[in-house]
Protein backbone atom coordinates (compact mmCIF):
# COMPACT_ATOMS: atom_id res chain seq x y z
CA MET A 1 0.00 0.00 0.00
CA SER A 2 1.52 3.32 -1.02
CA THR A 3 0.96 6.52 0.89
CA ARG A 4 0.41 9.81 -0.82
CA ARG A 5 2.75 12.59 0.14
CA THR A 6 1.76 16.25 -0.03
CA PRO A 7 4.19 18.20 -2.22
CA THR A 8 6.16 21.00 -0.57
CA SER A 9 5.80 24.60 -1.71
CA ALA A 10 9.12 24.35 -3.58
CA GLU A 11 7.81 21.34 -5.50
CA ARG A 12 4.53 23.05 -6.35
CA GLY A 13 6.29 26.11 -7.80
CA PRO A 14 5.38 29.77 -7.47
CA LYS A 15 1.81 30.90 -6.99
CA ILE A 16 0.41 32.51 -10.10
CA SER A 17 -2.30 35.03 -9.42
CA PRO A 18 -5.26 35.11 -11.80
CA ALA A 19 -5.58 37.90 -14.34
CA PRO A 20 -7.09 41.07 -12.88
CA THR A 21 -10.75 41.65 -13.55
CA GLY A 22 -13.18 44.50 -13.02
CA TRP A 23 -11.90 47.36 -10.88
CA HIS A 24 -8.47 45.78 -10.49
CA ARG A 25 -7.93 46.07 -14.23
CA LEU A 26 -8.75 49.79 -14.17
CA LEU A 27 -7.03 50.50 -10.82
CA PRO A 28 -4.27 47.94 -10.29
CA HIS A 29 -3.02 49.85 -7.21
CA PRO A 30 -6.00 51.65 -5.61
CA VAL A 31 -4.01 53.01 -2.64
CA LEU A 32 -1.46 54.54 -5.01
CA SER A 33 -4.31 56.09 -7.02
CA ALA A 34 -5.86 57.61 -3.90
CA ALA A 35 -2.47 58.97 -2.82
CA LEU A 36 -1.92 60.50 -6.26
CA VAL A 37 -5.28 62.30 -6.13
CA ALA A 38 -4.58 63.58 -2.61
CA VAL A 39 -1.10 64.85 -3.47
CA TRP A 40 -2.37 66.40 -6.70
CA LEU A 41 -5.08 68.33 -4.85
CA LEU A 42 -2.60 69.43 -2.19
CA LEU A 43 -0.22 70.72 -4.87
CA GLN A 44 -3.04 72.56 -6.63
CA GLN A 45 -4.33 73.97 -3.31
CA SER A 46 -7.87 73.69 -4.64
CA VAL A 47 -10.70 71.20 -4.96
CA ALA A 48 -12.20 72.82 -8.05
CA PRO A 49 -13.95 70.43 -10.44
CA ALA A 50 -11.18 70.81 -13.03
CA HIS A 51 -8.54 69.83 -10.46
CA LEU A 52 -10.63 66.88 -9.27
CA LEU A 53 -11.05 65.70 -12.85
CA SER A 54 -7.37 66.05 -13.72
CA GLY A 55 -6.43 64.29 -10.45
CA ALA A 56 -8.80 61.43 -11.26
CA VAL A 57 -7.34 61.07 -14.76
CA LEU A 58 -3.82 61.10 -13.29
CA ALA A 59 -4.84 58.50 -10.68
CA VAL A 60 -6.14 56.12 -13.36
CA VAL A 61 -3.51 56.64 -16.06
CA ALA A 62 -0.28 56.73 -13.98
CA PRO A 63 -0.66 53.29 -12.32
CA LEU A 64 -1.64 51.76 -15.67
CA LEU A 65 1.52 53.14 -17.28
CA VAL A 66 3.84 51.82 -14.55
CA ARG A 67 2.03 48.58 -13.70
CA GLY A 68 4.75 46.51 -15.36
CA PHE A 69 7.34 48.02 -13.00
CA LEU A 70 5.31 47.77 -9.79
CA GLY A 71 4.16 44.16 -9.82
CA PRO A 72 1.13 42.99 -7.84
CA ALA A 73 -0.23 45.17 -5.07
CA ALA A 74 0.76 44.15 -1.55
CA ARG A 75 -2.10 42.92 0.60
CA PRO A 76 -1.21 42.66 4.30
CA HIS A 77 -3.14 39.92 6.07
CA THR A 78 -2.98 41.22 9.66
CA TRP A 79 -2.87 44.58 11.40
CA VAL A 80 0.42 43.52 12.99
CA GLU A 81 2.00 43.52 9.51
CA VAL A 82 0.57 46.96 8.80
CA VAL A 83 1.94 48.40 12.04
CA ARG A 84 5.33 46.74 11.53
CA LEU A 85 5.69 47.99 7.95
CA SER A 86 4.52 51.48 8.97
CA GLY A 87 7.22 51.49 11.65
CA VAL A 88 9.84 50.55 9.07
CA VAL A 89 8.71 53.36 6.78
CA LEU A 90 8.73 55.92 9.62
CA TRP A 91 12.17 54.74 10.73
CA ASP A 92 13.50 55.13 7.18
CA ILE A 93 12.13 58.66 6.94
C-alpha cells in the first residue's frame, strides 16, 4: 500500500495570481491612485472640479503606465504587519 505525500511549496512552484478583472484592471493599485489624487489636490491647493477631474485622470492613467514596474499590489493579512511595515517606513524617513 503506497501513501500519498503532499508536495512541498518548492515542489509546487510559485503561486500565479489570476488575471485582474473589473476594478483591479482599471485600478491595479488603488491606494497609489488615492495617494496621487490627494497629493495632486494638495499641490493645486484647490478642490475645483477641473482639479478633481485632472487628479482622477492622473490616478487612473499613472498606475496603468507603470504597472509593469510595480508588480502585484501588496495585501497585508494582519494589522500587525501593517503596524510593523509602517514602523519601518517611519524609521527610514
